[in-house]
C-alpha atoms as a PDB file:
ATOM      1  CA  MET A   1       1.644  19.771  18.298  1.00  0.00           C
ATOM      2  CA  GLU A   2       3.610  16.720  19.214  1.00  0.00           C
ATOM      3  CA  THR A   3       5.149  15.680  15.817  1.00  0.00           C
ATOM      4  CA  TYR A   4       6.986  12.588  14.650  1.00  0.00           C
ATOM      5  CA  LEU A   5       8.981  12.171  11.431  1.00  0.00           C
ATOM      6  CA  PHE A   6       9.299   8.636  10.132  1.00  0.00           C
ATOM      7  CA  ILE A   7      12.092   8.136   7.535  1.00  0.00           C
ATOM      8  CA  ASN A   8      13.343   5.083   5.760  1.00  0.00           C
ATOM      9  CA  PRO A   9      16.964   5.174   4.375  1.00  0.00           C
ATOM     10  CA  CYS A  10      16.079   2.230   1.969  1.00  0.00           C
ATOM     11  CA  SER A  11      13.245   4.116   0.407  1.00  0.00           C
ATOM     12  CA  GLY A  12      13.398   4.666  -3.308  1.00  0.00           C
ATOM     13  CA  ARG A  13      14.108   8.341  -3.365  1.00  0.00           C
ATOM     14  CA  TYR A  14      15.618   8.804  -0.041  1.00  0.00           C
ATOM     15  CA  ASP A  15      18.250  11.578   0.352  1.00  0.00           C
ATOM     16  CA  GLN A  16      19.576  12.948   3.533  1.00  0.00           C
ATOM     17  CA  SER A  17      19.678  16.580   2.077  1.00  0.00           C
ATOM     18  CA  ARG A  18      15.943  16.175   1.315  1.00  0.00           C
ATOM     19  CA  ILE A  19      15.272  15.072   4.803  1.00  0.00           C
ATOM     20  CA  SER A  20      17.308  17.999   6.237  1.00  0.00           C
ATOM     21  CA  THR A  21      15.165  20.345   4.058  1.00  0.00           C
ATOM     22  CA  VAL A  22      12.050  18.839   5.448  1.00  0.00           C
ATOM     23  CA  ILE A  23      13.109  19.189   9.092  1.00  0.00           C
ATOM     24  CA  GLN A  24      14.117  22.802   8.570  1.00  0.00           C
ATOM     25  CA  ARG A  25      10.756  23.514   6.961  1.00  0.00           C
ATOM     26  CA  LEU A  26       8.842  21.813   9.800  1.00  0.00           C
ATOM     27  CA  ASN A  27      10.798  23.773  12.401  1.00  0.00           C
ATOM     28  CA  GLU A  28      10.078  26.983  10.596  1.00  0.00           C
ATOM     29  CA  ALA A  29       6.357  26.041  10.805  1.00  0.00           C
ATOM     30  CA  GLY A  30       6.515  25.519  14.596  1.00  0.00           C
ATOM     31  CA  LEU A  31       6.680  21.684  14.308  1.00  0.00           C
ATOM     32  CA  SER A  32       9.713  20.326  15.857  1.00  0.00           C
ATOM     33  CA  PRO A  33       9.732  16.739  14.737  1.00  0.00           C
ATOM     34  CA  ILE A  34      11.010  13.689  16.629  1.00  0.00           C
ATOM     35  CA  VAL A  35      12.822  11.803  13.804  1.00  0.00           C
ATOM     36  CA  CYS A  36      12.383   8.106  13.840  1.00  0.00           C
ATOM     37  CA  THR A  37      14.088   5.662  11.416  1.00  0.00           C
ATOM     38  CA  LEU A  38      11.899   2.808  10.376  1.00  0.00           C
ATOM     39  CA  THR A  39      12.963  -0.033   7.919  1.00  0.00           C
ATOM     40  CA  PRO A  40      10.260  -2.437   7.254  1.00  0.00           C
ATOM     41  CA  PRO A  41       9.559  -5.264   8.171  1.00  0.00           C
ATOM     42  CA  ASP A  42      10.685  -3.726  11.515  1.00  0.00           C
ATOM     43  CA  HIS A  43       7.557  -2.037  12.824  1.00  0.00           C
ATOM     44  CA  GLY A  44       9.351   0.176  15.578  1.00  0.00           C
ATOM     45  CA  PRO A  45       7.172  -1.058  18.434  1.00  0.00           C
ATOM     46  CA  SER A  46       8.783   1.166  21.126  1.00  0.00           C
ATOM     47  CA  GLN A  47       8.123   4.280  19.050  1.00  0.00           C
ATOM     48  CA  PHE A  48       4.586   3.380  18.318  1.00  0.00           C
ATOM     49  CA  GLN A  49       3.862   2.592  21.938  1.00  0.00           C
ATOM     50  CA  THR A  50       4.784   6.114  22.837  1.00  0.00           C
ATOM     51  CA  ILE A  51       2.535   7.613  20.170  1.00  0.00           C
ATOM     52  CA  ASN A  52      -0.384   5.295  20.928  1.00  0.00           C
ATOM     53  CA  ARG A  53      -0.219   6.286  24.669  1.00  0.00           C
ATOM     54  CA  SER A  54      -0.147  10.084  23.961  1.00  0.00           C
ATOM     55  CA  ALA A  55      -2.765  12.033  25.744  1.00  0.00           C
ATOM     56  CA  GLU A  56      -3.064  14.288  22.578  1.00  0.00           C
ATOM     57  CA  ARG A  57      -3.397  13.115  19.007  1.00  0.00           C
ATOM     58  CA  PRO A  58       0.122  13.566  17.516  1.00  0.00           C
ATOM     59  CA  LEU A  59       1.007  14.389  13.921  1.00  0.00           C
ATOM     60  CA  VAL A  60       2.842  11.457  12.333  1.00  0.00           C
ATOM     61  CA  ILE A  61       4.640  12.339   9.063  1.00  0.00           C
ATOM     62  CA  VAL A  62       5.989   9.525   6.826  1.00  0.00           C
ATOM     63  CA  ALA A  63       8.784  10.779   4.559  1.00  0.00           C
ATOM     64  CA  ALA A  64       9.201   7.489   2.599  1.00  0.00           C
ATOM     65  CA  GLY A  65       7.193   5.119   0.285  1.00  0.00           C
ATOM     66  CA  ASP A  66       4.027   3.007   0.522  1.00  0.00           C
ATOM     67  CA  GLY A  67       5.836   0.114   2.247  1.00  0.00           C
ATOM     68  CA  THR A  68       6.905   2.401   5.122  1.00  0.00           C
ATOM     69  CA  ILE A  69       3.404   4.098   5.368  1.00  0.00           C
ATOM     70  CA  ASN A  70       1.952   0.611   5.704  1.00  0.00           C
ATOM     71  CA  ALA A  71       4.363  -0.112   8.558  1.00  0.00           C
ATOM     72  CA  VAL A  72       3.195   2.929  10.318  1.00  0.00           C
ATOM     73  CA  VAL A  73      -0.414   2.194   9.760  1.00  0.00           C
ATOM     74  CA  ASN A  74       0.045  -1.179  11.331  1.00  0.00           C
ATOM     75  CA  GLY A  75       2.040   0.277  14.284  1.00  0.00           C
ATOM     76  CA  LEU A  76      -0.606   2.867  15.100  1.00  0.00           C
ATOM     77  CA  GLU A  77      -3.889   2.278  16.983  1.00  0.00           C
ATOM     78  CA  PRO A  78      -6.990   3.485  15.319  1.00  0.00           C
ATOM     79  CA  ASP A  79      -7.730   7.136  15.700  1.00  0.00           C
ATOM     80  CA  CYS A  80      -4.767   7.891  17.909  1.00  0.00           C
ATOM     81  CA  ALA A  81      -2.854  10.189  15.432  1.00  0.00           C
ATOM     82  CA  THR A  82      -3.044  12.278  12.353  1.00  0.00           C
ATOM     83  CA  LEU A  83      -1.097  10.920   9.441  1.00  0.00           C
ATOM     84  CA  ALA A  84       0.776  12.941   6.797  1.00  0.00           C
ATOM     85  CA  ILE A  85       2.948  11.742   3.892  1.00  0.00           C
ATOM     86  CA  LEU A  86       5.776  13.126   1.927  1.00  0.00           C
ATOM     87  CA  PRO A  87       6.549  10.988  -1.170  1.00  0.00           C
ATOM     88  CA  LEU A  88       9.986   9.544  -1.014  1.00  0.00           C
ATOM     89  CA  GLY A  89       9.336   6.042  -2.223  1.00  0.00           C
ATOM     90  CA  THR A  90       9.581   4.121  -5.476  1.00  0.00           C
ATOM     91  CA  SER A  91       5.856   4.454  -6.680  1.00  0.00           C
ATOM     92  CA  ASN A  92       4.330   6.768  -4.098  1.00  0.00           C
ATOM     93  CA  VAL A  93       0.813   5.364  -4.986  1.00  0.00           C
ATOM     94  CA  LEU A  94      -0.896   6.910  -1.820  1.00  0.00           C
ATOM     95  CA  ALA A  95       0.642  10.289  -2.678  1.00  0.00           C
ATOM     96  CA  ALA A  96      -0.918  10.032  -6.113  1.00  0.00           C
ATOM     97  CA  GLU A  97      -4.135   8.903  -4.625  1.00  0.00           C
ATOM     98  CA  ILE A  98      -4.454  12.031  -2.511  1.00  0.00           C
ATOM     99  CA  GLY A  99      -2.917  14.265  -5.155  1.00  0.00           C
ATOM    100  CA  ILE A 100       0.437  15.195  -3.440  1.00  0.00           C
ATOM    101  CA  HIS A 101       2.783  15.895  -6.346  1.00  0.00           C
ATOM    102  CA  SER A 102       6.016  16.595  -4.484  1.00  0.00           C
ATOM    103  CA  ILE A 103       7.791  16.937  -1.150  1.00  0.00           C
ATOM    104  CA  GLU A 104       7.141  20.641  -1.411  1.00  0.00           C
ATOM    105  CA  ASP A 105       3.503  20.110  -2.057  1.00  0.00           C
ATOM    106  CA  GLY A 106       3.245  17.779   0.942  1.00  0.00           C
ATOM    107  CA  LEU A 107       4.829  20.211   3.265  1.00  0.00           C
ATOM    108  CA  ASP A 108       2.512  23.033   2.131  1.00  0.00           C
ATOM    109  CA  ARG A 109      -0.407  20.703   2.979  1.00  0.00           C
ATOM    110  CA  ILE A 110       1.033  19.874   6.374  1.00  0.00           C
ATOM    111  CA  VAL A 111       1.280  23.553   7.165  1.00  0.00           C
ATOM    112  CA  ALA A 112      -2.351  24.138   5.983  1.00  0.00           C
ATOM    113  CA  GLY A 113      -3.517  21.299   8.217  1.00  0.00           C
ATOM    114  CA  LYS A 114      -6.586  20.269   6.189  1.00  0.00           C
ATOM    115  CA  THR A 115      -7.486  16.570   7.151  1.00  0.00           C
ATOM    116  CA  ARG A 116      -9.950  13.944   6.057  1.00  0.00           C
ATOM    117  CA  SER A 117     -10.878  10.524   7.530  1.00  0.00           C
ATOM    118  CA  PHE A 118      -9.493   7.405   5.572  1.00  0.00           C
ATOM    119  CA  SER A 119     -10.364   3.789   5.725  1.00  0.00           C
ATOM    120  CA  VAL A 120      -8.049   0.773   5.442  1.00  0.00           C
ATOM    121  CA  GLY A 121      -8.312  -2.916   4.615  1.00  0.00           C
ATOM    122  CA  LEU A 122      -7.578  -5.676   7.076  1.00  0.00           C
ATOM    123  CA  LEU A 123      -5.931  -8.970   6.100  1.00  0.00           C
ATOM    124  CA  GLU A 124      -6.171 -11.881   8.481  1.00  0.00           C
ATOM    125  CA  LEU A 125      -3.920 -14.772   8.032  1.00  0.00           C
ATOM    126  CA  GLU A 126      -3.589 -17.862  10.335  1.00  0.00           C
ATOM    127  CA  GLN A 127      -0.796 -16.360  12.350  1.00  0.00           C
ATOM    128  CA  VAL A 128      -0.836 -12.593  11.491  1.00  0.00           C
ATOM    129  CA  SER A 129      -3.184  -9.772  10.961  1.00  0.00           C
ATOM    130  CA  ARG A 130      -2.103  -6.700   8.877  1.00  0.00           C
ATOM    131  CA  ARG A 131      -3.819  -3.634   7.687  1.00  0.00           C
ATOM    132  CA  PHE A 132      -3.338  -2.167   4.171  1.00  0.00           C
ATOM    133  CA  VAL A 133      -4.021   1.174   2.799  1.00  0.00           C
ATOM    134  CA  LEU A 134      -3.921   0.530  -1.029  1.00  0.00           C
ATOM    135  CA  MET A 135      -4.252  -3.023  -2.002  1.00  0.00           C
ATOM    136  CA  ALA A 136      -3.530  -6.601  -1.245  1.00  0.00           C
ATOM    137  CA  GLY A 137      -2.397  -8.886  -4.113  1.00  0.00           C
ATOM    138  CA  ILE A 138      -2.523 -12.641  -4.163  1.00  0.00           C
ATOM    139  CA  GLY A 139      -1.041 -15.010  -6.837  1.00  0.00           C
ATOM    140  CA  PHE A 140       1.083 -13.599  -9.643  1.00  0.00           C
ATOM    141  CA  ASP A 141       1.077 -10.218  -7.999  1.00  0.00           C
ATOM    142  CA  GLY A 142       2.264 -11.664  -4.717  1.00  0.00           C
ATOM    143  CA  THR A 143       4.902 -13.785  -6.347  1.00  0.00           C
ATOM    144  CA  VAL A 144       6.407 -10.770  -8.051  1.00  0.00           C
ATOM    145  CA  VAL A 145       6.660  -8.765  -4.951  1.00  0.00           C
ATOM    146  CA  ARG A 146       8.058 -11.728  -2.962  1.00  0.00           C
ATOM    147  CA  ASP A 147      10.793 -12.377  -5.597  1.00  0.00           C
ATOM    148  CA  VAL A 148      11.786  -8.728  -6.203  1.00  0.00           C
ATOM    149  CA  TRP A 149      15.462  -8.138  -5.509  1.00  0.00           C
ATOM    150  CA  LEU A 150      15.290  -5.566  -2.728  1.00  0.00           C
ATOM    151  CA  PRO A 151      18.927  -4.247  -3.044  1.00  0.00           C
ATOM    152  CA  GLY A 152      18.307  -3.469  -6.635  1.00  0.00           C
ATOM    153  CA  LYS A 153      14.857  -1.905  -5.938  1.00  0.00           C
ATOM    154  CA  ARG A 154      16.362   1.346  -4.863  1.00  0.00           C
ATOM    155  CA  PHE A 155      18.494   1.726  -8.141  1.00  0.00           C
ATOM    156  CA  LEU A 156      16.255   0.003 -10.682  1.00  0.00           C
ATOM    157  CA  LYS A 157      13.011   1.250  -9.206  1.00  0.00           C
ATOM    158  CA  GLN A 158      10.064  -0.150 -11.264  1.00  0.00           C
ATOM    159  CA  GLY A 159      12.559  -2.078 -13.258  1.00  0.00           C
ATOM    160  CA  ALA A 160      13.149  -4.391 -10.342  1.00  0.00           C
ATOM    161  CA  TYR A 161       9.552  -5.427 -10.424  1.00  0.00           C
ATOM    162  CA  ALA A 162       9.710  -6.003 -14.178  1.00  0.00           C
ATOM    163  CA  ILE A 163      12.689  -8.374 -13.662  1.00  0.00           C
ATOM    164  CA  ALA A 164      10.788 -10.284 -11.001  1.00  0.00           C
ATOM    165  CA  ALA A 165       7.650 -10.518 -13.250  1.00  0.00           C
ATOM    166  CA  ILE A 166       9.728 -12.058 -16.064  1.00  0.00           C
ATOM    167  CA  LEU A 167      11.225 -14.640 -13.684  1.00  0.00           C
ATOM    168  CA  SER A 168       7.792 -15.410 -12.419  1.00  0.00           C
ATOM    169  CA  CYS A 169       6.582 -16.154 -16.004  1.00  0.00           C
ATOM    170  CA  LEU A 170       9.594 -18.385 -16.503  1.00  0.00           C
ATOM    171  CA  ARG A 171       8.609 -20.281 -13.388  1.00  0.00           C
ATOM    172  CA  TRP A 172       4.790 -20.156 -14.135  1.00  0.00           C
ATOM    173  CA  ASP A 173       2.473 -21.455 -11.434  1.00  0.00           C
ATOM    174  CA  ARG A 174      -0.847 -22.671 -12.888  1.00  0.00           C
ATOM    175  CA  SER A 175      -2.506 -23.500  -9.544  1.00  0.00           C
ATOM    176  CA  LEU A 176      -5.858 -21.887  -8.630  1.00  0.00           C
ATOM    177  CA  ILE A 177      -7.474 -20.394  -5.517  1.00  0.00           C
ATOM    178  CA  GLU A 178     -11.065 -19.735  -4.514  1.00  0.00           C
ATOM    179  CA  ILE A 179     -12.496 -16.607  -3.034  1.00  0.00           C
ATOM    180  CA  ARG A 180     -15.832 -16.400  -1.311  1.00  0.00           C
ATOM    181  CA  THR A 181     -18.048 -13.379  -0.472  1.00  0.00           C
ATOM    182  CA  ALA A 182     -21.615 -13.044   0.651  1.00  0.00           C
ATOM    183  CA  GLY A 183     -22.786 -13.172  -2.887  1.00  0.00           C
ATOM    184  CA  HIS A 184     -19.965 -14.785  -4.953  1.00  0.00           C
ATOM    185  CA  ARG A 185     -17.768 -17.863  -5.082  1.00  0.00           C
ATOM    186  CA  VAL A 186     -15.019 -17.446  -7.637  1.00  0.00           C
ATOM    187  CA  THR A 187     -12.151 -19.742  -8.708  1.00  0.00           C
ATOM    188  CA  CYS A 188      -9.291 -17.692 -10.019  1.00  0.00           C
ATOM    189  CA  HIS A 189      -5.422 -17.529 -10.616  1.00  0.00           C
ATOM    190  CA  SER A 190      -4.766 -14.175  -9.060  1.00  0.00           C
ATOM    191  CA  VAL A 191      -6.598 -11.505  -7.264  1.00  0.00           C
ATOM    192  CA  ILE A 192      -5.929  -7.847  -6.415  1.00  0.00           C
ATOM    193  CA  PHE A 193      -8.123  -6.445  -3.535  1.00  0.00           C
ATOM    194  CA  CYS A 194      -8.319  -2.688  -3.898  1.00  0.00           C
ATOM    195  CA  ASN A 195      -8.917  -0.101  -1.232  1.00  0.00           C
ATOM    196  CA  ALA A 196      -7.666   2.709  -3.524  1.00  0.00           C
ATOM    197  CA  SER A 197      -8.182   3.420  -7.147  1.00  0.00           C
ATOM    198  CA  ARG A 198      -4.485   3.192  -8.254  1.00  0.00           C
ATOM    199  CA  TYR A 199      -2.048   0.562  -8.552  1.00  0.00           C
ATOM    200  CA  GLY A 200       1.794   0.613  -9.164  1.00  0.00           C
ATOM    201  CA  GLY A 201       1.950   4.386  -9.497  1.00  0.00           C
ATOM    202  CA  SER A 202      -0.417   6.378 -11.699  1.00  0.00           C
ATOM    203  CA  PHE A 203      -2.214   3.201 -13.114  1.00  0.00           C
ATOM    204  CA  ARG A 204      -6.045   3.572 -12.273  1.00  0.00           C
ATOM    205  CA  ILE A 205      -7.310   0.086 -12.060  1.00  0.00           C
ATOM    206  CA  ALA A 206     -10.279   0.466  -9.619  1.00  0.00           C
ATOM    207  CA  PRO A 207     -11.884   3.888 -10.289  1.00  0.00           C
ATOM    208  CA  GLU A 208     -14.809   2.951  -8.022  1.00  0.00           C
ATOM    209  CA  CYS A 209     -12.500   2.744  -4.880  1.00  0.00           C
ATOM    210  CA  SER A 210     -11.108   5.435  -2.707  1.00  0.00           C
ATOM    211  CA  VAL A 211      -9.269   5.429   0.564  1.00  0.00           C
ATOM    212  CA  PHE A 212     -11.743   8.019   1.801  1.00  0.00           C
ATOM    213  CA  SER A 213     -14.688   5.449   1.258  1.00  0.00           C
ATOM    214  CA  PRO A 214     -14.935   2.132   3.074  1.00  0.00           C
ATOM    215  CA  GLY A 215     -15.157  -0.872   0.786  1.00  0.00           C
ATOM    216  CA  LEU A 216     -12.972  -3.221  -1.162  1.00  0.00           C
ATOM    217  CA  THR A 217     -13.158  -4.423  -4.706  1.00  0.00           C
ATOM    218  CA  ALA A 218     -11.632  -7.736  -5.816  1.00  0.00           C
ATOM    219  CA  ILE A 219     -10.197  -7.778  -9.284  1.00  0.00           C
ATOM    220  CA  CYS A 220     -10.080 -11.478 -10.311  1.00  0.00           C
ATOM    221  CA  VAL A 221      -7.924 -12.959 -13.066  1.00  0.00           C
ATOM    222  CA  GLN A 222      -9.576 -16.427 -13.538  1.00  0.00           C
ATOM    223  CA  SER A 223      -7.515 -17.613 -16.391  1.00  0.00           C
ATOM    224  CA  ASN A 224      -4.121 -19.188 -15.586  1.00  0.00           C
ATOM    225  CA  SER A 225      -2.509 -18.630 -18.976  1.00  0.00           C
ATOM    226  CA  ARG A 226       0.464 -16.286 -19.473  1.00  0.00           C
ATOM    227  CA  SER A 227      -1.153 -14.839 -22.567  1.00  0.00           C
ATOM    228  CA  THR A 228      -3.942 -13.325 -20.345  1.00  0.00           C
ATOM    229  CA  TYR A 229      -1.392 -11.564 -18.333  1.00  0.00           C
ATOM    230  CA  LEU A 230       0.371 -10.198 -21.332  1.00  0.00           C
ATOM    231  CA  GLN A 231      -3.037  -8.810 -22.498  1.00  0.00           C
ATOM    232  CA  LEU A 232      -3.526  -7.249 -19.032  1.00  0.00           C
ATOM    233  CA  ALA A 233      -0.142  -5.753 -19.053  1.00  0.00           C
ATOM    234  CA  LEU A 234      -0.864  -4.126 -22.405  1.00  0.00           C
ATOM    235  CA  GLU A 235      -4.209  -2.863 -21.078  1.00  0.00           C
ATOM    236  CA  LEU A 236      -2.511  -1.473 -17.935  1.00  0.00           C
ATOM    237  CA  VAL A 237      -0.044   0.552 -19.986  1.00  0.00           C
ATOM    238  CA  ARG A 238      -2.637   1.803 -22.332  1.00  0.00           C
ATOM    239  CA  GLY A 239      -4.898   2.867 -19.384  1.00  0.00           C
ATOM    240  CA  ARG A 240      -7.739   0.362 -20.418  1.00  0.00           C
ATOM    241  CA  ILE A 241      -7.588  -2.102 -17.568  1.00  0.00           C
ATOM    242  CA  ALA A 242     -10.478  -0.523 -15.774  1.00  0.00           C
ATOM    243  CA  SER A 243     -12.747  -1.734 -18.435  1.00  0.00           C
ATOM    244  CA  SER A 244     -10.947  -5.059 -19.259  1.00  0.00           C
ATOM    245  CA  ARG A 245     -12.995  -8.081 -20.066  1.00  0.00           C
ATOM    246  CA  ALA A 246     -10.104 -10.306 -18.916  1.00  0.00           C
ATOM    247  CA  VAL A 247     -10.932  -9.760 -15.244  1.00  0.00           C
ATOM    248  CA  LEU A 248     -14.024 -10.166 -12.985  1.00  0.00           C
ATOM    249  CA  ARG A 249     -14.817  -7.335 -10.451  1.00  0.00           C
ATOM    250  CA  ILE A 250     -16.734  -8.031  -7.283  1.00  0.00           C
ATOM    251  CA  PRO A 251     -17.364  -6.357  -3.991  1.00  0.00           C
ATOM    252  CA  ALA A 252     -14.908  -8.001  -1.527  1.00  0.00           C
ATOM    253  CA  ASP A 253     -15.766  -6.905   2.158  1.00  0.00           C
ATOM    254  CA  GLY A 254     -15.802 -10.046   4.297  1.00  0.00           C
ATOM    255  CA  CYS A 255     -13.945 -12.059   1.544  1.00  0.00           C
ATOM    256  CA  GLU A 256     -12.490 -15.460   2.365  1.00  0.00           C
ATOM    257  CA  ILE A 257      -9.497 -16.784   0.427  1.00  0.00           C
ATOM    258  CA  ARG A 258      -9.034 -20.553   0.038  1.00  0.00           C
ATOM    259  CA  GLY A 259      -5.850 -22.113  -1.320  1.00  0.00           C
ATOM    260  CA  VAL A 260      -2.144 -21.368  -0.886  1.00  0.00           C
ATOM    261  CA  LYS A 261      -0.499 -18.547  -2.680  1.00  0.00           C
ATOM    262  CA  PRO A 262       1.891 -15.621  -1.906  1.00  0.00           C
ATOM    263  CA  LEU A 263       0.395 -12.494  -0.718  1.00  0.00           C
ATOM    264  CA  GLN A 264       1.614  -8.904  -0.749  1.00  0.00           C
ATOM    265  CA  ILE A 265       0.075  -5.737   0.828  1.00  0.00           C
ATOM    266  CA  ASP A 266       1.009  -2.126  -0.259  1.00  0.00           C
ATOM    267  CA  GLY A 267       4.007  -3.469  -2.175  1.00  0.00           C
ATOM    268  CA  ASP A 268       5.581  -5.739   0.561  1.00  0.00           C
ATOM    269  CA  PHE A 269       5.407  -9.464   0.821  1.00  0.00           C
ATOM    270  CA  ILE A 270       3.488 -10.595   3.831  1.00  0.00           C
ATOM    271  CA  GLY A 271       3.038 -14.443   3.678  1.00  0.00           C
ATOM    272  CA  TYR A 272       0.784 -16.973   2.147  1.00  0.00           C
ATOM    273  CA  SER A 273      -2.978 -17.600   2.016  1.00  0.00           C
ATOM    274  CA  PRO A 274      -5.491 -18.760   3.223  1.00  0.00           C
ATOM    275  CA  GLY A 275      -6.906 -15.759   4.745  1.00  0.00           C
ATOM    276  CA  ARG A 276      -9.702 -13.249   5.199  1.00  0.00           C
ATOM    277  CA  LEU A 277     -10.223  -9.558   4.268  1.00  0.00           C
ATOM    278  CA  MET A 278     -12.516  -6.796   5.517  1.00  0.00           C
ATOM    279  CA  THR A 279     -12.673  -3.064   5.805  1.00  0.00           C
ATOM    280  CA  VAL A 280     -11.741  -0.910   8.734  1.00  0.00           C
ATOM    281  CA  ALA A 281     -13.721   2.270   8.204  1.00  0.00           C
ATOM    282  CA  ASP A 282     -12.482   5.673   9.451  1.00  0.00           C
ATOM    283  CA  PHE A 283      -9.137   4.297  10.705  1.00  0.00           C
ATOM    284  CA  ALA A 284      -7.609   7.842  11.211  1.00  0.00           C
ATOM    285  CA  ARG A 285      -7.284  11.309   9.728  1.00  0.00           C
ATOM    286  CA  ILE A 286      -4.709  12.163   7.065  1.00  0.00           C
ATOM    287  CA  ILE A 287      -3.412  15.457   5.838  1.00  0.00           C
ATOM    288  CA  ILE A 288      -4.815  16.127   2.364  1.00  0.00           C
END
């Protein structure tokens, strides 16, 4: 099988010895990968053009984090390749969603070859259109990701986001946005649009969502007070946010965002609203 291995030297758990072990294991399994270096926001257009034009459906392995997986998903055409992931990022939310516990576990699953179709979300802004696998965050969430110190992310890991969150609280933005769906019109301070159940690692905030089932849920924070966010942070740590009364949950397919706030998808800053979201069902198959 034609096989590509995408690596990101800036990923949170990148280590050249680990990559060498991965390549050796893949070679032993009869998969001789073409190694491609990808550092978002560079989307590697020449590499993806080759994959998208391939007569057979190649195996595309991403040994990196959720941001690099997002870049690969945006570089691939629908249903042109089979995706596989090896967790080498800061949070590895998609790996947790699928149940991949380690690089060795991911390699075992690649060798076994069992796949399943997965869906993605699509965010359309005025000048750019981007897919997301896990979630899109607007407002406080987008501000934190926008302001995170990228050189420190590799060393501080989740601590880099905590620092950015504290700085965002000191420069507090009280402005509101509006989201509109077929059945709802909601004014809110922040929204997380979930395509998966987890957020930020092992935190399960949308148990009704799955990458294997099309459909988005909007988790809306309507209050613009810092005390509400402190309450939500405590509920997140205690594993109670899925039942929090401080948020409003609504189906979000075909959702329109009105107002201007920072946006992030799958942990990377992407730009500013307004915009529109929808689901792309059965985008591709992924090794599970």
